[in-house]
Amino acid sequence: MWLLRCIVVTAVLLTLTGCSVFRDSSSGAYFEDDGPPNSSPDPSTVADAVPRAEPLSTIGNSPYQVFGIRYVPMSSVMVGYSETGEASWYGRKFHGRTTANGDEYDMFAMTAAHKTLPLPSYLRVRNLRNDQEVVVRVNDRGPFLGGRILDLSYMAAKKLGIVMSGTAPVDIQVVGTATGRQMSSARSVRGERQQRVFLQAGSFRLQDNAERLKAKLIRAGIPDIRIVTVEYKENRYYRVQAGPVSGTSAIRTQRAIIMEITGLKPTAVRE
């Protein structure tokens, strides 16, 4: 497999450390001499990142260009914003280097890199292969290879069970923003009861498709359905969400109905 070298370029001349780790299946070698450390703390002793109110970083949030593609970071994002895609990780080669946010990259900390989320942001990341979850602080830019949506620190990848495979499909959800608005705590991410929970059944570019799914879910026995309109990168999306849903039994029942109709596991959106 041909491997591309990560390039270093931003509009403010910052070093972007967010390069994915790849492993050659025949030799077992890691790309660019990156990879896991020789030793590390026990993952069970490393706590998730705790969302806290903090200002938008003064660096790392300007438009930038990588591989001829121009990226425009979001100026703000709402709690509950989510994406699904593939995540990778980066490790020892970048340990101690400066992130796009101006922090020092610590491969043993619970951090991540994203191409356009505001810096900093906080994400709940779920490995769709094993349902393991972590909370990370986004303080870097990347990944820029293979259409991946997130680059995890070594420790975050370790806790999610991604280190050996190199990549994994994940669901990411914003649980805290740099503006301090609607900030969540680590406890609320784990499911505090006062939070309202919605089950996102689908996201569509066409409103008619969203309305059709809403009607199907209502006919299937889910009475409370809303359509949330989201603007992202000059595109409008219509997200179909069931809820608010309270109680483990109700969540389990409605999740099963949504999966039967859509064939996909719904994403939990907490407010």
C-alpha atoms as a PDB file:
ATOM      1  CA  MET A   1       0.000   0.000   0.000  1.00  0.00           C
ATOM      2  CA  TRP A   2       1.369   3.378  -0.966  1.00  0.00           C
ATOM      3  CA  LEU A   3       1.639   5.744   1.968  1.00  0.00           C
ATOM      4  CA  LEU A   4       1.600   9.512   1.769  1.00  0.00           C
ATOM      5  CA  ARG A   5       3.695  11.733   4.004  1.00  0.00           C
ATOM      6  CA  CYS A   6       1.702  14.150   6.161  1.00  0.00           C
ATOM      7  CA  ILE A   7       2.425  17.729   5.162  1.00  0.00           C
ATOM      8  CA  VAL A   8       2.744  20.668   7.486  1.00  0.00           C
ATOM      9  CA  VAL A   9       0.904  23.805   6.426  1.00  0.00           C
ATOM     10  CA  THR A  10      -1.582  26.249   7.946  1.00  0.00           C
ATOM     11  CA  ALA A  11      -2.726  29.775   7.263  1.00  0.00           C
ATOM     12  CA  VAL A  12      -0.925  30.936  10.402  1.00  0.00           C
ATOM     13  CA  LEU A  13       2.207  28.825   9.844  1.00  0.00           C
ATOM     14  CA  LEU A  14       1.413  26.413  12.649  1.00  0.00           C
ATOM     15  CA  THR A  15       2.641  22.837  12.720  1.00  0.00           C
ATOM     16  CA  LEU A  16      -0.179  20.376  12.164  1.00  0.00           C
ATOM     17  CA  THR A  17       0.783  17.164  13.914  1.00  0.00           C
ATOM     18  CA  GLY A  18      -2.356  15.239  13.038  1.00  0.00           C
ATOM     19  CA  CYS A  19      -0.938  12.393  10.941  1.00  0.00           C
ATOM     20  CA  SER A  20      -2.462   8.938  10.990  1.00  0.00           C
ATOM     21  CA  VAL A  21      -0.574   5.827  12.064  1.00  0.00           C
ATOM     22  CA  PHE A  22      -0.441   3.091   9.431  1.00  0.00           C
ATOM     23  CA  ARG A  23       1.041  -0.360   9.771  1.00  0.00           C
ATOM     24  CA  ASP A  24       2.462  -2.452   6.941  1.00  0.00           C
ATOM     25  CA  SER A  25       0.651  -5.773   7.121  1.00  0.00           C
ATOM     26  CA  SER A  26       3.603  -7.719   5.716  1.00  0.00           C
ATOM     27  CA  SER A  27       6.439  -6.294   7.797  1.00  0.00           C
ATOM     28  CA  GLY A  28       4.558  -5.033  10.856  1.00  0.00           C
ATOM     29  CA  ALA A  29       6.419  -1.707  10.586  1.00  0.00           C
ATOM     30  CA  TYR A  30       4.708   1.574  11.381  1.00  0.00           C
ATOM     31  CA  PHE A  31       4.535   4.395   8.845  1.00  0.00           C
ATOM     32  CA  GLU A  32       7.135   7.148   9.229  1.00  0.00           C
ATOM     33  CA  ASP A  33       8.559   5.411  12.319  1.00  0.00           C
ATOM     34  CA  ASP A  34       5.449   6.397  14.235  1.00  0.00           C
ATOM     35  CA  GLY A  35       3.682   3.950  16.503  1.00  0.00           C
ATOM     36  CA  PRO A  36       3.056   3.078  20.132  1.00  0.00           C
ATOM     37  CA  PRO A  37       5.531   3.848  22.922  1.00  0.00           C
ATOM     38  CA  ASN A  38       7.746   1.217  24.489  1.00  0.00           C
ATOM     39  CA  SER A  39       5.786   1.587  27.721  1.00  0.00           C
ATOM     40  CA  SER A  40       2.766   3.573  28.857  1.00  0.00           C
ATOM     41  CA  PRO A  41       0.413   4.099  31.805  1.00  0.00           C
ATOM     42  CA  ASP A  42      -2.314   1.535  32.401  1.00  0.00           C
ATOM     43  CA  PRO A  43      -5.292   2.858  30.355  1.00  0.00           C
ATOM     44  CA  SER A  44      -7.598   2.145  33.314  1.00  0.00           C
ATOM     45  CA  THR A  45      -5.731   4.791  35.313  1.00  0.00           C
ATOM     46  CA  VAL A  46      -6.161   7.510  32.657  1.00  0.00           C
ATOM     47  CA  ALA A  47      -9.369   9.503  33.020  1.00  0.00           C
ATOM     48  CA  ASP A  48     -11.408  10.808  30.100  1.00  0.00           C
ATOM     49  CA  ALA A  49     -11.166  14.482  29.210  1.00  0.00           C
ATOM     50  CA  VAL A  50     -13.579  16.573  31.279  1.00  0.00           C
ATOM     51  CA  PRO A  51     -15.472  19.230  29.295  1.00  0.00           C
ATOM     52  CA  ARG A  52     -14.987  22.706  30.735  1.00  0.00           C
ATOM     53  CA  ALA A  53     -15.769  26.243  29.664  1.00  0.00           C
ATOM     54  CA  GLU A  54     -12.800  27.784  27.887  1.00  0.00           C
ATOM     55  CA  PRO A  55     -12.362  30.403  25.180  1.00  0.00           C
ATOM     56  CA  LEU A  56     -11.922  29.679  21.498  1.00  0.00           C
ATOM     57  CA  SER A  57      -8.231  29.260  20.781  1.00  0.00           C
ATOM     58  CA  THR A  58      -6.555  32.306  19.268  1.00  0.00           C
ATOM     59  CA  ILE A  59      -4.633  30.017  16.895  1.00  0.00           C
ATOM     60  CA  GLY A  60      -5.569  26.949  14.908  1.00  0.00           C
ATOM     61  CA  ASN A  61      -9.049  28.176  13.923  1.00  0.00           C
ATOM     62  CA  SER A  62      -8.125  30.004  10.712  1.00  0.00           C
ATOM     63  CA  PRO A  63      -8.724  28.553   7.215  1.00  0.00           C
ATOM     64  CA  TYR A  64      -5.834  26.412   5.983  1.00  0.00           C
ATOM     65  CA  GLN A  65      -4.872  24.251   3.018  1.00  0.00           C
ATOM     66  CA  VAL A  66      -3.521  20.688   2.930  1.00  0.00           C
ATOM     67  CA  PHE A  67      -2.956  18.551  -0.180  1.00  0.00           C
ATOM     68  CA  GLY A  68      -4.551  21.316  -2.256  1.00  0.00           C
ATOM     69  CA  ILE A  69      -7.784  21.214  -0.224  1.00  0.00           C
ATOM     70  CA  ARG A  70      -8.870  24.321   1.665  1.00  0.00           C
ATOM     71  CA  TYR A  71     -10.441  23.733   5.070  1.00  0.00           C
ATOM     72  CA  VAL A  72     -12.539  26.333   6.876  1.00  0.00           C
ATOM     73  CA  PRO A  73     -12.921  25.509  10.593  1.00  0.00           C
ATOM     74  CA  MET A  74     -16.321  26.067  12.165  1.00  0.00           C
ATOM     75  CA  SER A  75     -16.574  29.208  14.257  1.00  0.00           C
ATOM     76  CA  SER A  76     -18.988  27.426  16.609  1.00  0.00           C
ATOM     77  CA  VAL A  77     -20.758  24.113  17.000  1.00  0.00           C
ATOM     78  CA  MET A  78     -23.706  22.990  19.097  1.00  0.00           C
ATOM     79  CA  VAL A  79     -23.592  20.252  21.684  1.00  0.00           C
ATOM     80  CA  GLY A  80     -25.108  17.181  20.053  1.00  0.00           C
ATOM     81  CA  TYR A  81     -23.467  17.694  16.668  1.00  0.00           C
ATOM     82  CA  SER A  82     -22.370  14.260  15.439  1.00  0.00           C
ATOM     83  CA  GLU A  83     -20.507  12.486  12.643  1.00  0.00           C
ATOM     84  CA  THR A  84     -19.877   8.868  11.757  1.00  0.00           C
ATOM     85  CA  GLY A  85     -16.752   7.710   9.948  1.00  0.00           C
ATOM     86  CA  GLU A  86     -13.334   6.157  10.356  1.00  0.00           C
ATOM     87  CA  ALA A  87     -10.837   7.148  13.044  1.00  0.00           C
ATOM     88  CA  SER A  88      -7.072   6.593  13.164  1.00  0.00           C
ATOM     89  CA  TRP A  89      -4.419   7.547  15.729  1.00  0.00           C
ATOM     90  CA  TYR A  90      -0.969   9.113  16.041  1.00  0.00           C
ATOM     91  CA  GLY A  91       1.725   8.352  18.567  1.00  0.00           C
ATOM     92  CA  ARG A  92       5.361   8.600  19.572  1.00  0.00           C
ATOM     93  CA  LYS A  93       6.725  10.454  16.529  1.00  0.00           C
ATOM     94  CA  PHE A  94       4.655  13.530  17.408  1.00  0.00           C
ATOM     95  CA  HIS A  95       4.932  13.269  21.185  1.00  0.00           C
ATOM     96  CA  GLY A  96       6.026  16.657  22.536  1.00  0.00           C
ATOM     97  CA  ARG A  97       5.394  18.567  19.313  1.00  0.00           C
ATOM     98  CA  THR A  98       3.129  21.603  19.116  1.00  0.00           C
ATOM     99  CA  THR A  99      -0.482  20.988  18.118  1.00  0.00           C
ATOM    100  CA  ALA A 100      -2.545  23.345  15.969  1.00  0.00           C
ATOM    101  CA  ASN A 101      -4.089  24.618  19.204  1.00  0.00           C
ATOM    102  CA  GLY A 102      -0.669  25.582  20.562  1.00  0.00           C
ATOM    103  CA  ASP A 103      -0.625  22.767  23.135  1.00  0.00           C
ATOM    104  CA  GLU A 104       2.149  20.219  23.454  1.00  0.00           C
ATOM    105  CA  TYR A 105       0.991  16.902  22.034  1.00  0.00           C
ATOM    106  CA  ASP A 106       0.912  14.260  24.751  1.00  0.00           C
ATOM    107  CA  MET A 107       0.209  10.798  23.355  1.00  0.00           C
ATOM    108  CA  PHE A 108      -0.828   9.659  26.842  1.00  0.00           C
ATOM    109  CA  ALA A 109      -3.516  12.360  27.177  1.00  0.00           C
ATOM    110  CA  MET A 110      -7.116  12.036  26.013  1.00  0.00           C
ATOM    111  CA  THR A 111      -6.993  14.263  22.932  1.00  0.00           C
ATOM    112  CA  ALA A 112      -7.793  14.144  19.224  1.00  0.00           C
ATOM    113  CA  ALA A 113      -7.426  15.962  15.910  1.00  0.00           C
ATOM    114  CA  HIS A 114     -10.312  17.005  13.638  1.00  0.00           C
ATOM    115  CA  LYS A 115     -10.184  18.947  10.387  1.00  0.00           C
ATOM    116  CA  THR A 116     -12.857  21.591  11.078  1.00  0.00           C
ATOM    117  CA  LEU A 117     -14.274  21.474  14.619  1.00  0.00           C
ATOM    118  CA  PRO A 118     -13.544  24.591  16.701  1.00  0.00           C
ATOM    119  CA  LEU A 119     -10.411  24.314  18.826  1.00  0.00           C
ATOM    120  CA  PRO A 120     -10.889  23.271  21.515  1.00  0.00           C
ATOM    121  CA  SER A 121     -13.972  21.044  21.442  1.00  0.00           C
ATOM    122  CA  TYR A 122     -14.895  17.974  23.463  1.00  0.00           C
ATOM    123  CA  LEU A 123     -16.131  14.757  21.857  1.00  0.00           C
ATOM    124  CA  ARG A 124     -17.670  11.509  22.968  1.00  0.00           C
ATOM    125  CA  VAL A 125     -16.131   8.884  20.681  1.00  0.00           C
ATOM    126  CA  ARG A 126     -17.689   5.428  20.341  1.00  0.00           C
ATOM    127  CA  ASN A 127     -15.951   2.547  18.584  1.00  0.00           C
ATOM    128  CA  LEU A 128     -18.720   0.988  16.506  1.00  0.00           C
ATOM    129  CA  ARG A 129     -16.957  -2.386  16.506  1.00  0.00           C
ATOM    130  CA  ASN A 130     -16.948  -2.902  20.268  1.00  0.00           C
ATOM    131  CA  ASP A 131     -19.137  -0.082  21.711  1.00  0.00           C
ATOM    132  CA  GLN A 132     -16.256   1.232  23.836  1.00  0.00           C
ATOM    133  CA  GLU A 133     -16.550   4.987  24.549  1.00  0.00           C
ATOM    134  CA  VAL A 134     -14.165   7.745  25.596  1.00  0.00           C
ATOM    135  CA  VAL A 135     -14.299  11.527  25.907  1.00  0.00           C
ATOM    136  CA  VAL A 136     -11.504  13.508  24.257  1.00  0.00           C
ATOM    137  CA  ARG A 137     -10.455  17.133  23.874  1.00  0.00           C
ATOM    138  CA  VAL A 138      -9.908  18.202  20.262  1.00  0.00           C
ATOM    139  CA  ASN A 139      -6.779  20.361  20.115  1.00  0.00           C
ATOM    140  CA  ASP A 140      -5.256  19.537  16.720  1.00  0.00           C
ATOM    141  CA  ARG A 141      -5.972  19.359  12.979  1.00  0.00           C
ATOM    142  CA  GLY A 142      -6.171  16.196  10.884  1.00  0.00           C
ATOM    143  CA  PRO A 143      -6.328  13.490   9.706  1.00  0.00           C
ATOM    144  CA  PHE A 144      -5.721  14.257   6.036  1.00  0.00           C
ATOM    145  CA  LEU A 145      -5.464  10.735   4.617  1.00  0.00           C
ATOM    146  CA  GLY A 146      -8.020   8.158   3.571  1.00  0.00           C
ATOM    147  CA  GLY A 147     -11.165  10.190   4.243  1.00  0.00           C
ATOM    148  CA  ARG A 148     -10.881   9.661   7.984  1.00  0.00           C
ATOM    149  CA  ILE A 149     -12.786  11.990  10.302  1.00  0.00           C
ATOM    150  CA  LEU A 150     -10.705  11.811  13.492  1.00  0.00           C
ATOM    151  CA  ASP A 151      -7.130  11.229  14.646  1.00  0.00           C
ATOM    152  CA  LEU A 152      -6.937   9.986  18.231  1.00  0.00           C
ATOM    153  CA  SER A 153      -4.076  10.208  20.671  1.00  0.00           C
ATOM    154  CA  TYR A 154      -2.372   6.889  21.387  1.00  0.00           C
ATOM    155  CA  MET A 155      -4.055   6.614  24.807  1.00  0.00           C
ATOM    156  CA  ALA A 156      -7.534   7.369  23.445  1.00  0.00           C
ATOM    157  CA  ALA A 157      -7.005   4.769  20.716  1.00  0.00           C
ATOM    158  CA  LYS A 158      -5.747   2.285  23.314  1.00  0.00           C
ATOM    159  CA  LYS A 159      -8.846   2.714  25.462  1.00  0.00           C
ATOM    160  CA  LEU A 160     -11.061   2.279  22.397  1.00  0.00           C
ATOM    161  CA  GLY A 161      -9.230  -0.834  21.213  1.00  0.00           C
ATOM    162  CA  ILE A 162      -7.964   0.736  17.986  1.00  0.00           C
ATOM    163  CA  VAL A 163      -4.170   0.544  18.411  1.00  0.00           C
ATOM    164  CA  MET A 164      -3.604  -2.845  16.801  1.00  0.00           C
ATOM    165  CA  SER A 165      -6.084  -2.394  13.944  1.00  0.00           C
ATOM    166  CA  GLY A 166      -4.854   1.155  13.246  1.00  0.00           C
ATOM    167  CA  THR A 167      -8.328   2.394  12.303  1.00  0.00           C
ATOM    168  CA  ALA A 168     -11.951   1.736  13.259  1.00  0.00           C
ATOM    169  CA  PRO A 169     -15.426   3.048  12.433  1.00  0.00           C
ATOM    170  CA  VAL A 170     -16.567   5.507  15.090  1.00  0.00           C
ATOM    171  CA  ASP A 171     -19.445   7.743  16.028  1.00  0.00           C
ATOM    172  CA  ILE A 172     -18.399  11.128  17.395  1.00  0.00           C
ATOM    173  CA  GLN A 173     -20.634  13.585  19.239  1.00  0.00           C
ATOM    174  CA  VAL A 174     -19.824  17.051  20.527  1.00  0.00           C
ATOM    175  CA  VAL A 175     -20.316  17.217  24.306  1.00  0.00           C
ATOM    176  CA  GLY A 176     -18.614  20.549  25.010  1.00  0.00           C
ATOM    177  CA  THR A 177     -17.669  23.630  23.019  1.00  0.00           C
ATOM    178  CA  ALA A 178     -15.051  26.353  23.249  1.00  0.00           C
ATOM    179  CA  THR A 179     -17.688  29.032  23.775  1.00  0.00           C
ATOM    180  CA  GLY A 180     -18.738  27.503  27.086  1.00  0.00           C
ATOM    181  CA  ARG A 181     -22.323  27.390  25.872  1.00  0.00           C
ATOM    182  CA  GLN A 182     -24.253  24.230  26.757  1.00  0.00           C
ATOM    183  CA  MET A 183     -21.121  22.693  28.280  1.00  0.00           C
ATOM    184  CA  SER A 184     -21.498  19.115  29.454  1.00  0.00           C
ATOM    185  CA  SER A 185     -19.584  17.365  32.171  1.00  0.00           C
ATOM    186  CA  ALA A 186     -18.041  13.904  32.007  1.00  0.00           C
ATOM    187  CA  ARG A 187     -20.844  12.683  34.263  1.00  0.00           C
ATOM    188  CA  SER A 188     -23.519  14.027  31.917  1.00  0.00           C
ATOM    189  CA  VAL A 189     -21.821  12.298  28.994  1.00  0.00           C
ATOM    190  CA  ARG A 190     -22.231   9.035  30.869  1.00  0.00           C
ATOM    191  CA  GLY A 191     -25.950   9.728  31.116  1.00  0.00           C
ATOM    192  CA  GLU A 192     -27.129  11.990  33.898  1.00  0.00           C
ATOM    193  CA  ARG A 193     -30.850  11.561  34.299  1.00  0.00           C
ATOM    194  CA  GLN A 194     -31.766  15.239  34.024  1.00  0.00           C
ATOM    195  CA  GLN A 195     -30.544  15.350  30.430  1.00  0.00           C
ATOM    196  CA  ARG A 196     -33.041  14.953  27.626  1.00  0.00           C
ATOM    197  CA  VAL A 197     -32.191  12.111  25.278  1.00  0.00           C
ATOM    198  CA  PHE A 198     -33.158  11.964  21.605  1.00  0.00           C
ATOM    199  CA  LEU A 199     -32.471   9.070  19.223  1.00  0.00           C
ATOM    200  CA  GLN A 200     -31.307  10.317  15.835  1.00  0.00           C
ATOM    201  CA  ALA A 201     -32.764   8.017  13.188  1.00  0.00           C
ATOM    202  CA  GLY A 202     -31.390   9.721  10.086  1.00  0.00           C
ATOM    203  CA  SER A 203     -29.918  12.843   8.496  1.00  0.00           C
ATOM    204  CA  PHE A 204     -31.000  13.986   5.026  1.00  0.00           C
ATOM    205  CA  ARG A 205     -30.204  16.713   2.508  1.00  0.00           C
ATOM    206  CA  LEU A 206     -33.821  16.611   1.270  1.00  0.00           C
ATOM    207  CA  GLN A 207     -36.609  17.594   3.646  1.00  0.00           C
ATOM    208  CA  ASP A 208     -39.072  15.251   1.913  1.00  0.00           C
ATOM    209  CA  ASN A 209     -36.921  12.245   2.844  1.00  0.00           C
ATOM    210  CA  ALA A 210     -36.852  13.386   6.467  1.00  0.00           C
ATOM    211  CA  GLU A 211     -40.626  13.822   6.483  1.00  0.00           C
ATOM    212  CA  ARG A 212     -41.122  10.324   5.042  1.00  0.00           C
ATOM    213  CA  LEU A 213     -38.970   8.740   7.746  1.00  0.00           C
ATOM    214  CA  LYS A 214     -40.805  10.735  10.407  1.00  0.00           C
ATOM    215  CA  ALA A 215     -44.143   9.416   9.136  1.00  0.00           C
ATOM    216  CA  LYS A 216     -42.862   5.817   9.120  1.00  0.00           C
ATOM    217  CA  LEU A 217     -41.634   6.092  12.702  1.00  0.00           C
ATOM    218  CA  ILE A 218     -44.929   7.542  13.898  1.00  0.00           C
ATOM    219  CA  ARG A 219     -46.845   4.727  12.181  1.00  0.00           C
ATOM    220  CA  ALA A 220     -44.494   2.231  13.839  1.00  0.00           C
ATOM    221  CA  GLY A 221     -45.482   3.491  17.279  1.00  0.00           C
ATOM    222  CA  ILE A 222     -43.040   6.280  18.151  1.00  0.00           C
ATOM    223  CA  PRO A 223     -45.265   9.289  18.908  1.00  0.00           C
ATOM    224  CA  ASP A 224     -42.702  12.029  19.481  1.00  0.00           C
ATOM    225  CA  ILE A 225     -40.579  12.784  16.425  1.00  0.00           C
ATOM    226  CA  ARG A 226     -38.863  16.052  15.575  1.00  0.00           C
ATOM    227  CA  ILE A 227     -36.903  17.245  12.548  1.00  0.00           C
ATOM    228  CA  VAL A 228     -33.893  19.402  13.397  1.00  0.00           C
ATOM    229  CA  THR A 229     -32.427  21.625  10.681  1.00  0.00           C
ATOM    230  CA  VAL A 230     -28.634  21.951  10.741  1.00  0.00           C
ATOM    231  CA  GLU A 231     -26.439  24.197   8.584  1.00  0.00           C
ATOM    232  CA  TYR A 232     -22.989  22.741   7.901  1.00  0.00           C
ATOM    233  CA  LYS A 233     -20.431  23.907   5.315  1.00  0.00           C
ATOM    234  CA  GLU A 234     -23.105  25.863   3.412  1.00  0.00           C
ATOM    235  CA  ASN A 235     -25.323  22.772   3.235  1.00  0.00           C
ATOM    236  CA  ARG A 236     -28.604  22.219   5.042  1.00  0.00           C
ATOM    237  CA  TYR A 237     -29.383  18.884   6.682  1.00  0.00           C
ATOM    238  CA  TYR A 238     -32.656  17.622   8.136  1.00  0.00           C
ATOM    239  CA  ARG A 239     -32.122  15.317  11.098  1.00  0.00           C
ATOM    240  CA  VAL A 240     -34.922  13.043  12.256  1.00  0.00           C
ATOM    241  CA  GLN A 241     -34.893  12.489  15.999  1.00  0.00           C
ATOM    242  CA  ALA A 242     -37.206  10.537  18.293  1.00  0.00           C
ATOM    243  CA  GLY A 243     -37.798  11.908  21.747  1.00  0.00           C
ATOM    244  CA  PRO A 244     -37.158  13.074  24.263  1.00  0.00           C
ATOM    245  CA  VAL A 245     -36.986   9.469  25.462  1.00  0.00           C
ATOM    246  CA  SER A 246     -36.718   8.680  29.158  1.00  0.00           C
ATOM    247  CA  GLY A 247     -36.049   5.375  30.814  1.00  0.00           C
ATOM    248  CA  THR A 248     -33.903   2.467  29.733  1.00  0.00           C
ATOM    249  CA  SER A 249     -36.871   0.386  28.587  1.00  0.00           C
ATOM    250  CA  ALA A 250     -38.285   3.143  26.363  1.00  0.00           C
ATOM    251  CA  ILE A 251     -34.882   3.848  24.842  1.00  0.00           C
ATOM    252  CA  ARG A 252     -34.348   0.161  24.116  1.00  0.00           C
ATOM    253  CA  THR A 253     -37.818  -0.194  22.545  1.00  0.00           C
ATOM    254  CA  GLN A 254     -37.546   2.873  20.337  1.00  0.00           C
ATOM    255  CA  ARG A 255     -33.992   2.005  19.295  1.00  0.00           C
ATOM    256  CA  ALA A 256     -35.227  -1.414  18.142  1.00  0.00           C
ATOM    257  CA  ILE A 257     -38.052   0.158  16.116  1.00  0.00           C
ATOM    258  CA  ILE A 258     -35.666   2.603  14.447  1.00  0.00           C
ATOM    259  CA  MET A 259     -33.199  -0.170  13.596  1.00  0.00           C
ATOM    260  CA  GLU A 260     -35.971  -2.284  12.094  1.00  0.00           C
ATOM    261  CA  ILE A 261     -37.100   0.576   9.839  1.00  0.00           C
ATOM    262  CA  THR A 262     -33.733   2.091   8.873  1.00  0.00           C
ATOM    263  CA  GLY A 263     -31.367  -0.857   9.303  1.00  0.00           C
ATOM    264  CA  LEU A 264     -29.033   1.411  11.265  1.00  0.00           C
ATOM    265  CA  LYS A 265     -28.379   1.909  14.961  1.00  0.00           C
ATOM    266  CA  PRO A 266     -29.596   5.389  16.003  1.00  0.00           C
ATOM    267  CA  THR A 267     -27.276   7.890  17.614  1.00  0.00           C
ATOM    268  CA  ALA A 268     -28.162   9.153  21.095  1.00  0.00           C
ATOM    269  CA  VAL A 269     -28.275  12.960  21.194  1.00  0.00           C
ATOM    270  CA  ARG A 270     -28.257  14.461  24.691  1.00  0.00           C
ATOM    271  CA  GLU A 271     -29.372  17.998  25.536  1.00  0.00           C
END
